[in-house]
Amino acid sequence: MDWDIVWSILKWVLLVFLAGFIGYFGRYLSQALIARRRRESSPSANGGSDIQDDSRDKIRAKIDKKRAKARLKQIKKGRR
């Protein structure tokens, strides 16, 4: 058996193993960094009560609009 061929094969095996190792942990690290950034920039981390209040106001406005539309529909049905 020629040692040059064995060494060449081992180099490629080690290179593929190293690339997989770097790829796996690189992906894990990037996902951890993204999750950390999202937690830091979330509204609850910044106090975010203004954003939450705005969202609640929008939802309440939509609900009120739907209720008014339903009342108008009932009134029109009652007249016919």
PDB file of N, CA and C in Angstrom:
ATOM      1  N   MET A   1       0.842  -1.170   0.000  1.00  0.00           N
ATOM      2  CA  MET A   1       0.000   0.000   0.000  1.00  0.00           C
ATOM      3  C   MET A   1       0.891   1.238   0.000  1.00  0.00           C
ATOM      4  N   ASP A   2       0.557   2.174  -0.854  1.00  0.00           N
ATOM      5  CA  ASP A   2       1.365   3.379  -1.000  1.00  0.00           C
ATOM      6  C   ASP A   2       0.915   4.419   0.025  1.00  0.00           C
ATOM      7  N   TRP A   3       1.835   4.909   0.852  1.00  0.00           N
ATOM      8  CA  TRP A   3       1.505   5.842   1.921  1.00  0.00           C
ATOM      9  C   TRP A   3       1.087   7.201   1.392  1.00  0.00           C
ATOM     10  N   ASP A   4       1.498   7.551   0.196  1.00  0.00           N
ATOM     11  CA  ASP A   4       1.075   8.831  -0.396  1.00  0.00           C
ATOM     12  C   ASP A   4      -0.423   8.842  -0.665  1.00  0.00           C
ATOM     13  N   ILE A   5      -0.930   7.716  -1.125  1.00  0.00           N
ATOM     14  CA  ILE A   5      -2.369   7.609  -1.397  1.00  0.00           C
ATOM     15  C   ILE A   5      -3.146   7.633  -0.082  1.00  0.00           C
ATOM     16  N   VAL A   6      -2.665   6.911   0.928  1.00  0.00           N
ATOM     17  CA  VAL A   6      -3.333   6.875   2.227  1.00  0.00           C
ATOM     18  C   VAL A   6      -3.350   8.284   2.826  1.00  0.00           C
ATOM     19  N   TRP A   7      -2.211   8.967   2.774  1.00  0.00           N
ATOM     20  CA  TRP A   7      -2.138  10.325   3.326  1.00  0.00           C
ATOM     21  C   TRP A   7      -3.075  11.272   2.574  1.00  0.00           C
ATOM     22  N   SER A   8      -3.155  11.152   1.269  1.00  0.00           N
ATOM     23  CA  SER A   8      -4.044  11.982   0.454  1.00  0.00           C
ATOM     24  C   SER A   8      -5.503  11.748   0.840  1.00  0.00           C
ATOM     25  N   ILE A   9      -5.873  10.491   1.020  1.00  0.00           N
ATOM     26  CA  ILE A   9      -7.246  10.162   1.419  1.00  0.00           C
ATOM     27  C   ILE A   9      -7.536  10.712   2.806  1.00  0.00           C
ATOM     28  N   LEU A  10      -6.597  10.546   3.734  1.00  0.00           N
ATOM     29  CA  LEU A  10      -6.789  11.054   5.092  1.00  0.00           C
ATOM     30  C   LEU A  10      -6.913  12.579   5.111  1.00  0.00           C
ATOM     31  N   LYS A  11      -6.140  13.256   4.283  1.00  0.00           N
ATOM     32  CA  LYS A  11      -6.256  14.713   4.207  1.00  0.00           C
ATOM     33  C   LYS A  11      -7.649  15.128   3.766  1.00  0.00           C
ATOM     34  N   TRP A  12      -8.199  14.452   2.754  1.00  0.00           N
ATOM     35  CA  TRP A  12      -9.532  14.800   2.275  1.00  0.00           C
ATOM     36  C   TRP A  12     -10.604  14.477   3.313  1.00  0.00           C
ATOM     37  N   VAL A  13     -10.446  13.348   3.991  1.00  0.00           N
ATOM     38  CA  VAL A  13     -11.405  12.983   5.037  1.00  0.00           C
ATOM     39  C   VAL A  13     -11.373  14.014   6.155  1.00  0.00           C
ATOM     40  N   LEU A  14     -10.186  14.406   6.591  1.00  0.00           N
ATOM     41  CA  LEU A  14     -10.052  15.413   7.641  1.00  0.00           C
ATOM     42  C   LEU A  14     -10.586  16.772   7.181  1.00  0.00           C
ATOM     43  N   LEU A  15     -10.349  17.110   5.932  1.00  0.00           N
ATOM     44  CA  LEU A  15     -10.842  18.381   5.397  1.00  0.00           C
ATOM     45  C   LEU A  15     -12.371  18.414   5.382  1.00  0.00           C
ATOM     46  N   VAL A  16     -12.993  17.323   4.964  1.00  0.00           N
ATOM     47  CA  VAL A  16     -14.458  17.248   4.941  1.00  0.00           C
ATOM     48  C   VAL A  16     -15.009  17.274   6.362  1.00  0.00           C
ATOM     49  N   PHE A  17     -14.375  16.558   7.279  1.00  0.00           N
ATOM     50  CA  PHE A  17     -14.798  16.559   8.672  1.00  0.00           C
ATOM     51  C   PHE A  17     -14.688  17.954   9.275  1.00  0.00           C
ATOM     52  N   LEU A  18     -13.586  18.632   9.015  1.00  0.00           N
ATOM     53  CA  LEU A  18     -13.380  19.983   9.534  1.00  0.00           C
ATOM     54  C   LEU A  18     -14.405  20.957   8.950  1.00  0.00           C
ATOM     55  N   ALA A  19     -14.693  20.839   7.668  1.00  0.00           N
ATOM     56  CA  ALA A  19     -15.692  21.721   7.045  1.00  0.00           C
ATOM     57  C   ALA A  19     -17.072  21.491   7.657  1.00  0.00           C
ATOM     58  N   GLY A  20     -17.428  20.255   7.911  1.00  0.00           N
ATOM     59  CA  GLY A  20     -18.713  19.950   8.548  1.00  0.00           C
ATOM     60  C   GLY A  20     -18.772  20.485   9.966  1.00  0.00           C
ATOM     61  N   PHE A  21     -17.678  20.353  10.690  1.00  0.00           N
ATOM     62  CA  PHE A  21     -17.604  20.847  12.055  1.00  0.00           C
ATOM     63  C   PHE A  21     -17.776  22.365  12.089  1.00  0.00           C
ATOM     64  N   ILE A  22     -17.054  23.061  11.235  1.00  0.00           N
ATOM     65  CA  ILE A  22     -17.148  24.520  11.169  1.00  0.00           C
ATOM     66  C   ILE A  22     -18.542  24.941  10.718  1.00  0.00           C
ATOM     67  N   GLY A  23     -19.103  24.242   9.747  1.00  0.00           N
ATOM     68  CA  GLY A  23     -20.442  24.577   9.260  1.00  0.00           C
ATOM     69  C   GLY A  23     -21.505  24.404  10.321  1.00  0.00           C
ATOM     70  N   TYR A  24     -21.441  23.302  11.065  1.00  0.00           N
ATOM     71  CA  TYR A  24     -22.446  23.034  12.087  1.00  0.00           C
ATOM     72  C   TYR A  24     -22.383  24.070  13.202  1.00  0.00           C
ATOM     73  N   PHE A  25     -21.197  24.278  13.747  1.00  0.00           N
ATOM     74  CA  PHE A  25     -21.090  25.205  14.859  1.00  0.00           C
ATOM     75  C   PHE A  25     -21.204  26.654  14.414  1.00  0.00           C
ATOM     76  N   GLY A  26     -20.860  26.935  13.178  1.00  0.00           N
ATOM     77  CA  GLY A  26     -21.084  28.276  12.643  1.00  0.00           C
ATOM     78  C   GLY A  26     -22.571  28.580  12.546  1.00  0.00           C
ATOM     79  N   ARG A  27     -23.327  27.606  12.101  1.00  0.00           N
ATOM     80  CA  ARG A  27     -24.777  27.785  12.020  1.00  0.00           C
ATOM     81  C   ARG A  27     -25.382  27.935  13.416  1.00  0.00           C
ATOM     82  N   TYR A  28     -24.930  27.109  14.345  1.00  0.00           N
ATOM     83  CA  TYR A  28     -25.420  27.180  15.724  1.00  0.00           C
ATOM     84  C   TYR A  28     -25.109  28.548  16.334  1.00  0.00           C
ATOM     85  N   LEU A  29     -23.901  29.035  16.113  1.00  0.00           N
ATOM     86  CA  LEU A  29     -23.505  30.338  16.649  1.00  0.00           C
ATOM     87  C   LEU A  29     -24.322  31.457  16.028  1.00  0.00           C
ATOM     88  N   SER A  30     -24.542  31.386  14.724  1.00  0.00           N
ATOM     89  CA  SER A  30     -25.313  32.454  14.072  1.00  0.00           C
ATOM     90  C   SER A  30     -26.763  32.454  14.556  1.00  0.00           C
ATOM     91  N   GLN A  31     -27.362  31.285  14.754  1.00  0.00           N
ATOM     92  CA  GLN A  31     -28.727  31.230  15.268  1.00  0.00           C
ATOM     93  C   GLN A  31     -28.794  31.760  16.693  1.00  0.00           C
ATOM     94  N   ALA A  32     -27.779  31.479  17.489  1.00  0.00           N
ATOM     95  CA  ALA A  32     -27.749  31.988  18.863  1.00  0.00           C
ATOM     96  C   ALA A  32     -27.629  33.509  18.861  1.00  0.00           C
ATOM     97  N   LEU A  33     -26.792  34.048  17.967  1.00  0.00           N
ATOM     98  CA  LEU A  33     -26.634  35.502  17.887  1.00  0.00           C
ATOM     99  C   LEU A  33     -27.917  36.182  17.417  1.00  0.00           C
ATOM    100  N   ILE A  34     -28.601  35.571  16.450  1.00  0.00           N
ATOM    101  CA  ILE A  34     -29.857  36.138  15.951  1.00  0.00           C
ATOM    102  C   ILE A  34     -30.911  36.113  17.047  1.00  0.00           C
ATOM    103  N   ALA A  35     -31.012  35.014  17.778  1.00  0.00           N
ATOM    104  CA  ALA A  35     -31.989  34.925  18.870  1.00  0.00           C
ATOM    105  C   ALA A  35     -31.687  35.958  19.947  1.00  0.00           C
ATOM    106  N   ARG A  36     -30.419  36.150  20.235  1.00  0.00           N
ATOM    107  CA  ARG A  36     -30.032  37.143  21.243  1.00  0.00           C
ATOM    108  C   ARG A  36     -30.390  38.544  20.790  1.00  0.00           C
ATOM    109  N   ARG A  37     -30.143  38.839  19.526  1.00  0.00           N
ATOM    110  CA  ARG A  37     -30.460  40.163  18.990  1.00  0.00           C
ATOM    111  C   ARG A  37     -31.963  40.405  19.024  1.00  0.00           C
ATOM    112  N   ARG A  38     -32.748  39.371  18.693  1.00  0.00           N
ATOM    113  CA  ARG A  38     -34.210  39.513  18.724  1.00  0.00           C
ATOM    114  C   ARG A  38     -34.716  39.753  20.142  1.00  0.00           C
ATOM    115  N   ARG A  39     -34.135  39.048  21.109  1.00  0.00           N
ATOM    116  CA  ARG A  39     -34.539  39.256  22.502  1.00  0.00           C
ATOM    117  C   ARG A  39     -34.203  40.667  22.957  1.00  0.00           C
ATOM    118  N   GLU A  40     -33.046  41.172  22.546  1.00  0.00           N
ATOM    119  CA  GLU A  40     -32.638  42.510  22.964  1.00  0.00           C
ATOM    120  C   GLU A  40     -33.496  43.592  22.328  1.00  0.00           C
ATOM    121  N   SER A  41     -33.973  43.347  21.119  1.00  0.00           N
ATOM    122  CA  SER A  41     -34.736  44.377  20.429  1.00  0.00           C
ATOM    123  C   SER A  41     -36.247  44.179  20.536  1.00  0.00           C
ATOM    124  N   SER A  42     -36.672  43.191  21.323  1.00  0.00           N
ATOM    125  CA  SER A  42     -38.111  42.960  21.465  1.00  0.00           C
ATOM    126  C   SER A  42     -38.738  44.088  22.271  1.00  0.00           C
ATOM    127  N   PRO A  43     -40.020  44.387  22.037  1.00  0.00           N
ATOM    128  CA  PRO A  43     -40.681  45.484  22.747  1.00  0.00           C
ATOM    129  C   PRO A  43     -40.686  45.313  24.254  1.00  0.00           C
ATOM    130  N   SER A  44     -40.803  44.087  24.746  1.00  0.00           N
ATOM    131  CA  SER A  44     -40.859  43.893  26.189  1.00  0.00           C
ATOM    132  C   SER A  44     -39.517  44.205  26.842  1.00  0.00           C
ATOM    133  N   ALA A  45     -38.416  44.033  26.107  1.00  0.00           N
ATOM    134  CA  ALA A  45     -37.103  44.333  26.670  1.00  0.00           C
ATOM    135  C   ALA A  45     -36.887  45.845  26.780  1.00  0.00           C
ATOM    136  N   ASN A  46     -37.501  46.613  25.871  1.00  0.00           N
ATOM    137  CA  ASN A  46     -37.322  48.058  25.868  1.00  0.00           C
ATOM    138  C   ASN A  46     -38.413  48.784  26.634  1.00  0.00           C
ATOM    139  N   GLY A  47     -39.238  48.077  27.311  1.00  0.00           N
ATOM    140  CA  GLY A  47     -40.360  48.715  27.978  1.00  0.00           C
ATOM    141  C   GLY A  47     -41.567  48.679  27.084  1.00  0.00           C
ATOM    142  N   GLY A  48     -41.433  48.944  25.836  1.00  0.00           N
ATOM    143  CA  GLY A  48     -42.370  48.802  24.757  1.00  0.00           C
ATOM    144  C   GLY A  48     -43.829  48.998  25.032  1.00  0.00           C
ATOM    145  N   SER A  49     -44.196  49.677  26.097  1.00  0.00           N
ATOM    146  CA  SER A  49     -45.613  49.835  26.393  1.00  0.00           C
ATOM    147  C   SER A  49     -46.294  50.689  25.337  1.00  0.00           C
ATOM    148  N   ASP A  50     -45.573  51.623  24.738  1.00  0.00           N
ATOM    149  CA  ASP A  50     -46.155  52.455  23.681  1.00  0.00           C
ATOM    150  C   ASP A  50     -46.555  51.609  22.490  1.00  0.00           C
ATOM    151  N   ILE A  51     -45.682  50.697  22.112  1.00  0.00           N
ATOM    152  CA  ILE A  51     -45.966  49.837  20.959  1.00  0.00           C
ATOM    153  C   ILE A  51     -47.140  48.925  21.281  1.00  0.00           C
ATOM    154  N   GLN A  52     -47.138  48.361  22.471  1.00  0.00           N
ATOM    155  CA  GLN A  52     -48.225  47.463  22.841  1.00  0.00           C
ATOM    156  C   GLN A  52     -49.542  48.219  22.943  1.00  0.00           C
ATOM    157  N   ASP A  53     -49.516  49.435  23.479  1.00  0.00           N
ATOM    158  CA  ASP A  53     -50.737  50.230  23.572  1.00  0.00           C
ATOM    159  C   ASP A  53     -51.268  50.575  22.186  1.00  0.00           C
ATOM    160  N   ASP A  54     -50.359  50.902  21.257  1.00  0.00           N
ATOM    161  CA  ASP A  54     -50.787  51.195  19.894  1.00  0.00           C
ATOM    162  C   ASP A  54     -51.437  49.980  19.256  1.00  0.00           C
ATOM    163  N   SER A  55     -50.867  48.823  19.480  1.00  0.00           N
ATOM    164  CA  SER A  55     -51.429  47.587  18.924  1.00  0.00           C
ATOM    165  C   SER A  55     -52.808  47.320  19.518  1.00  0.00           C
ATOM    166  N   ARG A  56     -52.923  47.514  20.814  1.00  0.00           N
ATOM    167  CA  ARG A  56     -54.224  47.291  21.453  1.00  0.00           C
ATOM    168  C   ARG A  56     -55.261  48.271  20.938  1.00  0.00           C
ATOM    169  N   ASP A  57     -54.865  49.524  20.733  1.00  0.00           N
ATOM    170  CA  ASP A  57     -55.799  50.516  20.203  1.00  0.00           C
ATOM    171  C   ASP A  57     -56.266  50.136  18.810  1.00  0.00           C
ATOM    172  N   LYS A  58     -55.356  49.644  17.981  1.00  0.00           N
ATOM    173  CA  LYS A  58     -55.733  49.234  16.628  1.00  0.00           C
ATOM    174  C   LYS A  58     -56.705  48.062  16.667  1.00  0.00           C
ATOM    175  N   ILE A  59     -56.436  47.106  17.540  1.00  0.00           N
ATOM    176  CA  ILE A  59     -57.308  45.943  17.654  1.00  0.00           C
ATOM    177  C   ILE A  59     -58.688  46.363  18.152  1.00  0.00           C
ATOM    178  N   ARG A  60     -58.722  47.235  19.151  1.00  0.00           N
ATOM    179  CA  ARG A  60     -60.013  47.713  19.663  1.00  0.00           C
ATOM    180  C   ARG A  60     -60.788  48.465  18.587  1.00  0.00           C
ATOM    181  N   ALA A  61     -60.085  49.266  17.779  1.00  0.00           N
ATOM    182  CA  ALA A  61     -60.754  50.005  16.703  1.00  0.00           C
ATOM    183  C   ALA A  61     -61.360  49.035  15.686  1.00  0.00           C
ATOM    184  N   LYS A  62     -60.633  47.977  15.364  1.00  0.00           N
ATOM    185  CA  LYS A  62     -61.161  46.990  14.425  1.00  0.00           C
ATOM    186  C   LYS A  62     -62.401  46.293  14.982  1.00  0.00           C
ATOM    187  N   ILE A  63     -62.332  45.935  16.261  1.00  0.00           N
ATOM    188  CA  ILE A  63     -63.469  45.261  16.891  1.00  0.00           C
ATOM    189  C   ILE A  63     -64.686  46.184  16.917  1.00  0.00           C
ATOM    190  N   ASP A  64     -64.472  47.443  17.291  1.00  0.00           N
ATOM    191  CA  ASP A  64     -65.579  48.405  17.308  1.00  0.00           C
ATOM    192  C   ASP A  64     -66.188  48.586  15.924  1.00  0.00           C
ATOM    193  N   LYS A  65     -65.336  48.629  14.918  1.00  0.00           N
ATOM    194  CA  LYS A  65     -65.822  48.788  13.540  1.00  0.00           C
ATOM    195  C   LYS A  65     -66.665  47.579  13.124  1.00  0.00           C
ATOM    196  N   LYS A  66     -66.208  46.373  13.483  1.00  0.00           N
ATOM    197  CA  LYS A  66     -66.963  45.170  13.143  1.00  0.00           C
ATOM    198  C   LYS A  66     -68.306  45.138  13.874  1.00  0.00           C
ATOM    199  N   ARG A  67     -68.305  45.561  15.139  1.00  0.00           N
ATOM    200  CA  ARG A  67     -69.558  45.583  15.888  1.00  0.00           C
ATOM    201  C   ARG A  67     -70.534  46.588  15.293  1.00  0.00           C
ATOM    202  N   ALA A  68     -70.045  47.759  14.898  1.00  0.00           N
ATOM    203  CA  ALA A  68     -70.909  48.769  14.293  1.00  0.00           C
ATOM    204  C   ALA A  68     -71.483  48.261  12.973  1.00  0.00           C
ATOM    205  N   LYS A  69     -70.656  47.568  12.226  1.00  0.00           N
ATOM    206  CA  LYS A  69     -71.119  47.022  10.950  1.00  0.00           C
ATOM    207  C   LYS A  69     -72.193  45.954  11.180  1.00  0.00           C
ATOM    208  N   ALA A  70     -71.997  45.119  12.210  1.00  0.00           N
ATOM    209  CA  ALA A  70     -72.983  44.082  12.523  1.00  0.00           C
ATOM    210  C   ALA A  70     -74.299  44.707  12.990  1.00  0.00           C
ATOM    211  N   ARG A  71     -74.208  45.778  13.802  1.00  0.00           N
ATOM    212  CA  ARG A  71     -75.429  46.467  14.252  1.00  0.00           C
ATOM    213  C   ARG A  71     -76.191  47.056  13.075  1.00  0.00           C
ATOM    214  N   LEU A  72     -75.453  47.684  12.165  1.00  0.00           N
ATOM    215  CA  LEU A  72     -76.086  48.271  10.984  1.00  0.00           C
ATOM    216  C   LEU A  72     -76.765  47.199  10.151  1.00  0.00           C
ATOM    217  N   LYS A  73     -76.118  46.048  10.040  1.00  0.00           N
ATOM    218  CA  LYS A  73     -76.696  44.936   9.283  1.00  0.00           C
ATOM    219  C   LYS A  73     -77.985  44.441   9.941  1.00  0.00           C
ATOM    220  N   GLN A  74     -77.994  44.343  11.263  1.00  0.00           N
ATOM    221  CA  GLN A  74     -79.188  43.909  11.983  1.00  0.00           C
ATOM    222  C   GLN A  74     -80.323  44.923  11.819  1.00  0.00           C
ATOM    223  N   ILE A  75     -79.983  46.199  11.847  1.00  0.00           N
ATOM    224  CA  ILE A  75     -81.004  47.239  11.673  1.00  0.00           C
ATOM    225  C   ILE A  75     -81.620  47.125  10.294  1.00  0.00           C
ATOM    226  N   LYS A  76     -80.785  46.927   9.276  1.00  0.00           N
ATOM    227  CA  LYS A  76     -81.303  46.815   7.906  1.00  0.00           C
ATOM    228  C   LYS A  76     -82.159  45.568   7.758  1.00  0.00           C
ATOM    229  N   LYS A  77     -81.805  44.469   8.391  1.00  0.00           N
ATOM    230  CA  LYS A  77     -82.607  43.248   8.314  1.00  0.00           C
ATOM    231  C   LYS A  77     -83.953  43.438   8.973  1.00  0.00           C
ATOM    232  N   GLY A  78     -83.969  44.140  10.097  1.00  0.00           N
ATOM    233  CA  GLY A  78     -85.219  44.357  10.836  1.00  0.00           C
ATOM    234  C   GLY A  78     -86.209  45.196  10.057  1.00  0.00           C
ATOM    235  N   ARG A  79     -85.784  46.084   9.200  1.00  0.00           N
ATOM    236  CA  ARG A  79     -86.679  46.963   8.435  1.00  0.00           C
ATOM    237  C   ARG A  79     -87.305  46.241   7.266  1.00  0.00           C
ATOM    238  N   ARG A  80     -86.700  45.210   6.771  1.00  0.00           N
ATOM    239  CA  ARG A  80     -87.229  44.543   5.583  1.00  0.00           C
ATOM    240  C   ARG A  80     -88.331  43.619   5.917  1.00  0.00           C
TER     241      ARG A  80
END
